[in-house]
PDB file of N, CA and C in Angstrom:
ATOM      1  N   MET A   1       0.757  -1.189  -0.037  1.00  0.00           N
ATOM      2  CA  MET A   1      -0.012   0.059   0.056  1.00  0.00           C
ATOM      3  C   MET A   1       0.921   1.218   0.089  1.00  0.00           C
ATOM      4  N   SER A   2       0.343   2.317  -0.753  1.00  0.00           N
ATOM      5  CA  SER A   2       1.092   3.483  -0.705  1.00  0.00           C
ATOM      6  C   SER A   2       0.806   4.478   0.514  1.00  0.00           C
ATOM      7  N   LEU A   3       1.589   5.480   0.743  1.00  0.00           N
ATOM      8  CA  LEU A   3       1.455   6.205   1.871  1.00  0.00           C
ATOM      9  C   LEU A   3       0.040   6.823   1.915  1.00  0.00           C
ATOM     10  N   LEU A   4      -0.583   7.307   0.474  1.00  0.00           N
ATOM     11  CA  LEU A   4      -1.562   7.959   0.670  1.00  0.00           C
ATOM     12  C   LEU A   4      -2.674   7.075   0.795  1.00  0.00           C
ATOM     13  N   GLN A   5      -2.565   5.787   0.319  1.00  0.00           N
ATOM     14  CA  GLN A   5      -3.798   4.781   0.777  1.00  0.00           C
ATOM     15  C   GLN A   5      -3.928   4.615   2.436  1.00  0.00           C
ATOM     16  N   TRP A   6      -2.750   4.497   2.945  1.00  0.00           N
ATOM     17  CA  TRP A   6      -2.761   4.393   4.355  1.00  0.00           C
ATOM     18  C   TRP A   6      -3.311   5.499   5.043  1.00  0.00           C
ATOM     19  N   ALA A   7      -3.000   6.738   4.589  1.00  0.00           N
ATOM     20  CA  ALA A   7      -3.684   7.892   5.177  1.00  0.00           C
ATOM     21  C   ALA A   7      -5.195   7.957   4.915  1.00  0.00           C
ATOM     22  N   VAL A   8      -5.681   7.562   3.828  1.00  0.00           N
ATOM     23  CA  VAL A   8      -7.145   7.692   3.591  1.00  0.00           C
ATOM     24  C   VAL A   8      -7.740   6.507   4.493  1.00  0.00           C
ATOM     25  N   ALA A   9      -7.073   5.436   4.555  1.00  0.00           N
ATOM     26  CA  ALA A   9      -7.680   4.398   5.513  1.00  0.00           C
ATOM     27  C   ALA A   9      -7.722   4.847   7.049  1.00  0.00           C
ATOM     28  N   GLY A  10      -6.759   5.526   7.325  1.00  0.00           N
ATOM     29  CA  GLY A  10      -6.742   6.034   8.657  1.00  0.00           C
ATOM     30  C   GLY A  10      -7.725   7.103   8.974  1.00  0.00           C
ATOM     31  N   ALA A  11      -7.828   7.826   8.068  1.00  0.00           N
ATOM     32  CA  ALA A  11      -8.761   8.838   8.249  1.00  0.00           C
ATOM     33  C   ALA A  11     -10.050   8.411   8.244  1.00  0.00           C
ATOM     34  N   ALA A  12     -10.493   7.299   7.346  1.00  0.00           N
ATOM     35  CA  ALA A  12     -11.842   6.853   7.412  1.00  0.00           C
ATOM     36  C   ALA A  12     -11.945   5.975   8.791  1.00  0.00           C
ATOM     37  N   GLY A  13     -10.938   5.506   9.240  1.00  0.00           N
ATOM     38  CA  GLY A  13     -11.192   4.661  10.442  1.00  0.00           C
ATOM     39  C   GLY A  13     -11.248   5.702  11.444  1.00  0.00           C
ATOM     40  N   TYR A  14     -10.691   6.753  11.684  1.00  0.00           N
ATOM     41  CA  TYR A  14     -10.970   7.861  12.733  1.00  0.00           C
ATOM     42  C   TYR A  14     -12.312   8.318  12.604  1.00  0.00           C
ATOM     43  N   ALA A  15     -12.847   8.684  11.321  1.00  0.00           N
ATOM     44  CA  ALA A  15     -13.947   9.166  11.266  1.00  0.00           C
ATOM     45  C   ALA A  15     -15.153   8.137  11.715  1.00  0.00           C
ATOM     46  N   ILE A  16     -14.901   7.009  11.469  1.00  0.00           N
ATOM     47  CA  ILE A  16     -16.026   5.856  12.000  1.00  0.00           C
ATOM     48  C   ILE A  16     -15.886   5.913  13.531  1.00  0.00           C
ATOM     49  N   TRP A  17     -14.713   6.150  14.096  1.00  0.00           N
ATOM     50  CA  TRP A  17     -14.530   6.062  15.615  1.00  0.00           C
ATOM     51  C   TRP A  17     -15.148   7.171  16.152  1.00  0.00           C
ATOM     52  N   ARG A  18     -15.043   8.349  15.729  1.00  0.00           N
ATOM     53  CA  ARG A  18     -15.676   9.559  16.174  1.00  0.00           C
ATOM     54  C   ARG A  18     -17.408   9.295  16.168  1.00  0.00           C
ATOM     55  N   VAL A  19     -17.766   9.019  15.004  1.00  0.00           N
ATOM     56  CA  VAL A  19     -19.264   8.710  14.965  1.00  0.00           C
ATOM     57  C   VAL A  19     -19.869   7.827  16.053  1.00  0.00           C
ATOM     58  N   ALA A  20     -18.978   6.744  16.235  1.00  0.00           N
ATOM     59  CA  ALA A  20     -19.455   5.630  17.301  1.00  0.00           C
ATOM     60  C   ALA A  20     -19.389   6.399  18.708  1.00  0.00           C
ATOM     61  N   GLN A  21     -18.383   7.036  18.934  1.00  0.00           N
ATOM     62  CA  GLN A  21     -18.295   7.837  20.431  1.00  0.00           C
ATOM     63  C   GLN A  21     -19.196   8.655  20.608  1.00  0.00           C
ATOM     64  N   LYS A  22     -19.698   9.520  19.436  1.00  0.00           N
ATOM     65  CA  LYS A  22     -20.821  10.499  19.506  1.00  0.00           C
ATOM     66  C   LYS A  22     -22.142   9.757  19.804  1.00  0.00           C
ATOM     67  N   ASN A  23     -22.327   8.602  19.284  1.00  0.00           N
ATOM     68  CA  ASN A  23     -23.528   7.875  19.315  1.00  0.00           C
ATOM     69  C   ASN A  23     -23.571   7.099  20.780  1.00  0.00           C
ATOM     70  N   ARG A  24     -22.566   6.753  21.389  1.00  0.00           N
ATOM     71  CA  ARG A  24     -22.274   6.260  22.488  1.00  0.00           C
ATOM     72  C   ARG A  24     -22.678   7.325  23.718  1.00  0.00           C
ATOM     73  N   GLU A  25     -22.220   8.606  23.524  1.00  0.00           N
ATOM     74  CA  GLU A  25     -22.542   9.656  24.310  1.00  0.00           C
ATOM     75  C   GLU A  25     -23.959   9.998  24.323  1.00  0.00           C
ATOM     76  N   GLU A  26     -24.634  10.111  23.323  1.00  0.00           N
ATOM     77  CA  GLU A  26     -25.902  10.328  23.253  1.00  0.00           C
ATOM     78  C   GLU A  26     -26.904   9.372  23.799  1.00  0.00           C
ATOM     79  N   GLN A  27     -26.409   8.133  24.230  1.00  0.00           N
ATOM     80  CA  GLN A  27     -27.424   7.099  24.554  1.00  0.00           C
ATOM     81  C   GLN A  27     -27.357   7.037  26.420  1.00  0.00           C
ATOM     82  N   ALA A  28     -27.478   8.134  26.761  1.00  0.00           N
ATOM     83  CA  ALA A  28     -27.460   8.155  28.284  1.00  0.00           C
ATOM     84  C   ALA A  28     -28.491   7.731  28.960  1.00  0.00           C
ATOM     85  N   PRO A  29     -28.765   7.164  30.066  1.00  0.00           N
ATOM     86  CA  PRO A  29     -30.147   6.657  30.590  1.00  0.00           C
ATOM     87  C   PRO A  29     -31.129   7.578  30.639  1.00  0.00           C
ATOM     88  N   ALA A  30     -32.394   7.278  30.034  1.00  0.00           N
ATOM     89  CA  ALA A  30     -33.544   8.183  29.985  1.00  0.00           C
ATOM     90  C   ALA A  30     -33.998   8.848  31.178  1.00  0.00           C
ATOM     91  N   ALA A  31     -33.915   8.160  32.465  1.00  0.00           N
ATOM     92  CA  ALA A  31     -34.149   8.612  33.763  1.00  0.00           C
ATOM     93  C   ALA A  31     -33.326   9.649  34.130  1.00  0.00           C
ATOM     94  N   PHE A  32     -32.181   9.635  33.924  1.00  0.00           N
ATOM     95  CA  PHE A  32     -31.026  10.576  34.827  1.00  0.00           C
ATOM     96  C   PHE A  32     -31.307  12.050  34.207  1.00  0.00           C
ATOM     97  N   ALA A  33     -31.191  13.006  35.080  1.00  0.00           N
ATOM     98  CA  ALA A  33     -31.091  14.588  34.799  1.00  0.00           C
ATOM     99  C   ALA A  33     -29.922  14.803  34.090  1.00  0.00           C
ATOM    100  N   GLN A  34     -30.024  15.832  33.200  1.00  0.00           N
ATOM    101  CA  GLN A  34     -29.058  16.417  32.431  1.00  0.00           C
ATOM    102  C   GLN A  34     -27.547  16.674  33.279  1.00  0.00           C
ATOM    103  N   GLY A  35     -26.575  15.955  32.896  1.00  0.00           N
ATOM    104  CA  GLY A  35     -25.426  16.241  33.613  1.00  0.00           C
ATOM    105  C   GLY A  35     -25.128  14.937  34.855  1.00  0.00           C
ATOM    106  N   GLU A  36     -26.145  14.234  35.220  1.00  0.00           N
ATOM    107  CA  GLU A  36     -26.121  13.262  36.058  1.00  0.00           C
ATOM    108  C   GLU A  36     -25.809  12.070  35.567  1.00  0.00           C
ATOM    109  N   GLU A  37     -24.798  11.374  35.886  1.00  0.00           N
ATOM    110  CA  GLU A  37     -24.207  10.155  35.167  1.00  0.00           C
ATOM    111  C   GLU A  37     -24.663   8.985  35.992  1.00  0.00           C
ATOM    112  N   SER A  38     -24.769   7.926  35.268  1.00  0.00           N
ATOM    113  CA  SER A  38     -25.263   6.616  35.968  1.00  0.00           C
ATOM    114  C   SER A  38     -24.029   5.907  36.707  1.00  0.00           C
ATOM    115  N   GLY A  39     -22.843   6.341  36.549  1.00  0.00           N
ATOM    116  CA  GLY A  39     -21.813   5.830  37.352  1.00  0.00           C
ATOM    117  C   GLY A  39     -21.305   4.523  37.100  1.00  0.00           C
ATOM    118  N   GLY A  40     -20.264   3.851  37.819  1.00  0.00           N
ATOM    119  CA  GLY A  40     -19.994   2.431  37.578  1.00  0.00           C
ATOM    120  C   GLY A  40     -20.808   1.386  38.164  1.00  0.00           C
ATOM    121  N   ASN A  41     -21.785   1.701  38.912  1.00  0.00           N
ATOM    122  CA  ASN A  41     -22.633   0.759  39.757  1.00  0.00           C
ATOM    123  C   ASN A  41     -23.413  -0.183  38.848  1.00  0.00           C
ATOM    124  N   PHE A  42     -23.728  -1.349  39.358  1.00  0.00           N
ATOM    125  CA  PHE A  42     -24.439  -2.237  38.377  1.00  0.00           C
ATOM    126  C   PHE A  42     -25.756  -1.932  38.172  1.00  0.00           C
ATOM    127  N   ALA A  43     -26.487  -1.222  39.155  1.00  0.00           N
ATOM    128  CA  ALA A  43     -27.740  -1.104  39.140  1.00  0.00           C
ATOM    129  C   ALA A  43     -28.301   0.113  38.215  1.00  0.00           C
ATOM    130  N   LYS A  44     -27.374   1.092  38.163  1.00  0.00           N
ATOM    131  CA  LYS A  44     -27.604   2.121  37.448  1.00  0.00           C
ATOM    132  C   LYS A  44     -28.775   2.943  38.068  1.00  0.00           C
ATOM    133  N   VAL A  45     -28.831   3.460  39.371  1.00  0.00           N
ATOM    134  CA  VAL A  45     -29.880   3.926  40.031  1.00  0.00           C
ATOM    135  C   VAL A  45     -29.588   5.316  40.031  1.00  0.00           C
ATOM    136  N   ARG A  46     -30.695   6.140  39.665  1.00  0.00           N
ATOM    137  CA  ARG A  46     -30.658   7.659  39.680  1.00  0.00           C
ATOM    138  C   ARG A  46     -30.805   8.159  41.198  1.00  0.00           C
ATOM    139  N   SER A  47     -30.496   9.318  41.415  1.00  0.00           N
ATOM    140  CA  SER A  47     -30.728  10.214  42.508  1.00  0.00           C
ATOM    141  C   SER A  47     -32.234  10.284  42.683  1.00  0.00           C
ATOM    142  N   ALA A  48     -32.795  10.128  44.065  1.00  0.00           N
ATOM    143  CA  ALA A  48     -34.264  10.254  44.460  1.00  0.00           C
ATOM    144  C   ALA A  48     -34.638  11.742  44.164  1.00  0.00           C
ATOM    145  N   GLY A  49     -35.904  11.864  43.690  1.00  0.00           N
ATOM    146  CA  GLY A  49     -36.421  13.103  43.694  1.00  0.00           C
ATOM    147  C   GLY A  49     -36.530  13.693  42.382  1.00  0.00           C
ATOM    148  N   THR A  50     -37.328  14.830  42.377  1.00  0.00           N
ATOM    149  CA  THR A  50     -37.492  15.428  40.950  1.00  0.00           C
ATOM    150  C   THR A  50     -36.261  15.971  40.420  1.00  0.00           C
ATOM    151  N   GLU A  51     -35.126  16.278  41.457  1.00  0.00           N
ATOM    152  CA  GLU A  51     -33.810  16.869  40.782  1.00  0.00           C
ATOM    153  C   GLU A  51     -33.166  15.860  40.022  1.00  0.00           C
ATOM    154  N   GLY A  52     -33.247  14.519  40.498  1.00  0.00           N
ATOM    155  CA  GLY A  52     -32.665  13.561  39.528  1.00  0.00           C
ATOM    156  C   GLY A  52     -33.341  13.145  38.216  1.00  0.00           C
ATOM    157  N   MET A  53     -34.467  13.659  38.167  1.00  0.00           N
ATOM    158  CA  MET A  53     -35.300  13.220  36.959  1.00  0.00           C
ATOM    159  C   MET A  53     -34.976  14.019  35.525  1.00  0.00           C
ATOM    160  N   ARG A  54     -35.076  13.408  34.407  1.00  0.00           N
ATOM    161  CA  ARG A  54     -34.772  14.279  33.190  1.00  0.00           C
ATOM    162  C   ARG A  54     -35.931  15.288  33.009  1.00  0.00           C
ATOM    163  N   SER A  55     -37.122  14.850  33.292  1.00  0.00           N
ATOM    164  CA  SER A  55     -38.404  15.902  33.034  1.00  0.00           C
ATOM    165  C   SER A  55     -39.097  15.824  34.277  1.00  0.00           C
ATOM    166  N   ASP A  56     -39.859  16.862  34.473  1.00  0.00           N
ATOM    167  CA  ASP A  56     -40.324  17.226  35.826  1.00  0.00           C
ATOM    168  C   ASP A  56     -41.755  16.554  35.668  1.00  0.00           C
ATOM    169  N   PRO A  57     -42.219  15.961  36.809  1.00  0.00           N
ATOM    170  CA  PRO A  57     -43.627  15.421  36.687  1.00  0.00           C
ATOM    171  C   PRO A  57     -44.559  16.639  36.851  1.00  0.00           C
ATOM    172  N   LYS A  58     -45.862  16.371  36.308  1.00  0.00           N
ATOM    173  CA  LYS A  58     -46.809  17.362  36.675  1.00  0.00           C
ATOM    174  C   LYS A  58     -47.323  17.383  38.010  1.00  0.00           C
ATOM    175  N   ARG A  59     -47.318  16.349  38.833  1.00  0.00           N
ATOM    176  CA  ARG A  59     -47.753  16.235  40.113  1.00  0.00           C
ATOM    177  C   ARG A  59     -46.722  15.414  40.921  1.00  0.00           C
ATOM    178  N   TRP A  60     -46.309  15.897  42.225  1.00  0.00           N
ATOM    179  CA  TRP A  60     -45.341  15.135  42.963  1.00  0.00           C
ATOM    180  C   TRP A  60     -45.641  15.414  44.454  1.00  0.00           C
ATOM    181  N   ASP A  61     -45.985  14.458  45.172  1.00  0.00           N
ATOM    182  CA  ASP A  61     -46.423  14.663  46.537  1.00  0.00           C
ATOM    183  C   ASP A  61     -45.242  13.884  47.416  1.00  0.00           C
ATOM    184  N   LYS A  62     -45.587  13.822  48.673  1.00  0.00           N
ATOM    185  CA  LYS A  62     -44.472  13.377  49.597  1.00  0.00           C
ATOM    186  C   LYS A  62     -44.670  11.867  49.529  1.00  0.00           C
ATOM    187  N   VAL A  63     -45.637  11.119  49.043  1.00  0.00           N
ATOM    188  CA  VAL A  63     -46.072   9.746  48.904  1.00  0.00           C
ATOM    189  C   VAL A  63     -45.152   9.246  47.556  1.00  0.00           C
ATOM    190  N   ASP A  64     -45.230  10.152  46.692  1.00  0.00           N
ATOM    191  CA  ASP A  64     -44.317   9.912  45.504  1.00  0.00           C
ATOM    192  C   ASP A  64     -42.629   9.955  45.780  1.00  0.00           C
ATOM    193  N   GLN A  65     -42.437  11.078  46.790  1.00  0.00           N
ATOM    194  CA  GLN A  65     -41.156  11.181  47.017  1.00  0.00           C
ATOM    195  C   GLN A  65     -40.705  10.030  47.840  1.00  0.00           C
ATOM    196  N   ALA A  66     -41.337   9.416  48.859  1.00  0.00           N
ATOM    197  CA  ALA A  66     -41.178   8.282  49.534  1.00  0.00           C
ATOM    198  C   ALA A  66     -40.978   7.026  48.829  1.00  0.00           C
ATOM    199  N   SER A  67     -42.007   6.830  47.740  1.00  0.00           N
ATOM    200  CA  SER A  67     -41.688   5.667  46.917  1.00  0.00           C
ATOM    201  C   SER A  67     -40.440   5.979  45.989  1.00  0.00           C
ATOM    202  N   ASP A  68     -40.301   6.889  45.667  1.00  0.00           N
ATOM    203  CA  ASP A  68     -38.943   7.088  44.805  1.00  0.00           C
ATOM    204  C   ASP A  68     -37.790   7.027  45.591  1.00  0.00           C
ATOM    205  N   GLU A  69     -37.813   7.250  46.817  1.00  0.00           N
ATOM    206  CA  GLU A  69     -36.367   7.338  47.541  1.00  0.00           C
ATOM    207  C   GLU A  69     -36.405   5.802  48.080  1.00  0.00           C
ATOM    208  N   SER A  70     -37.433   5.015  48.076  1.00  0.00           N
ATOM    209  CA  SER A  70     -37.149   3.546  48.383  1.00  0.00           C
ATOM    210  C   SER A  70     -37.270   2.532  47.223  1.00  0.00           C
ATOM    211  N   PHE A  71     -36.932   3.030  45.940  1.00  0.00           N
ATOM    212  CA  PHE A  71     -37.011   2.291  44.808  1.00  0.00           C
ATOM    213  C   PHE A  71     -36.358   0.860  44.838  1.00  0.00           C
ATOM    214  N   PRO A  72     -35.064   0.748  45.100  1.00  0.00           N
ATOM    215  CA  PRO A  72     -34.380  -0.613  44.939  1.00  0.00           C
ATOM    216  C   PRO A  72     -34.889  -1.514  45.952  1.00  0.00           C
ATOM    217  N   ALA A  73     -35.451  -0.981  46.972  1.00  0.00           N
ATOM    218  CA  ALA A  73     -36.016  -1.938  48.027  1.00  0.00           C
ATOM    219  C   ALA A  73     -37.434  -2.602  47.478  1.00  0.00           C
ATOM    220  N   SER A  74     -37.597  -3.711  48.102  1.00  0.00           N
ATOM    221  CA  SER A  74     -38.802  -4.439  47.917  1.00  0.00           C
ATOM    222  C   SER A  74     -39.925  -4.178  48.757  1.00  0.00           C
ATOM    223  N   ASP A  75     -39.790  -3.479  49.833  1.00  0.00           N
ATOM    224  CA  ASP A  75     -40.881  -2.997  50.642  1.00  0.00           C
ATOM    225  C   ASP A  75     -41.480  -1.580  50.169  1.00  0.00           C
ATOM    226  N   PRO A  76     -42.602  -1.521  50.499  1.00  0.00           N
ATOM    227  CA  PRO A  76     -43.144  -0.101  50.067  1.00  0.00           C
ATOM    228  C   PRO A  76     -42.870   0.902  51.253  1.00  0.00           C
ATOM    229  N   PRO A  77     -42.870   2.251  51.133  1.00  0.00           N
ATOM    230  CA  PRO A  77     -42.333   3.149  51.995  1.00  0.00           C
ATOM    231  C   PRO A  77     -43.674   3.079  53.155  1.00  0.00           C
ATOM    232  N   ALA A  78     -43.321   3.509  54.306  1.00  0.00           N
ATOM    233  CA  ALA A  78     -44.329   3.368  55.570  1.00  0.00           C
ATOM    234  C   ALA A  78     -45.125   4.575  55.613  1.00  0.00           C
ATOM    235  N   THR A  79     -45.111   5.549  54.536  1.00  0.00           N
ATOM    236  CA  THR A  79     -45.835   6.583  54.770  1.00  0.00           C
ATOM    237  C   THR A  79     -47.376   6.573  54.029  1.00  0.00           C
ATOM    238  N   TYR A  80     -47.733   5.281  53.498  1.00  0.00           N
ATOM    239  CA  TYR A  80     -49.078   5.092  52.888  1.00  0.00           C
ATOM    240  C   TYR A  80     -50.088   5.383  54.075  1.00  0.00           C
TER     241      TYR A  80
END
């Protein structure tokens, strides 16, 4: 291969890599707020409350908050 062919192949590979990286960054978890990362944990649990949500709910009361705070647990919150 000539030097020009190597350069073209390298540029094409770099362009494909950049597109793949951009697509990977855009696939953030839908439940997380802007700027909040899922981190390295296995469960990928977001912060509780409306601050950790990407979109704000129309209604949110203390029962919703308690339920959201106890999410990974199997038992319902005691505020019912």
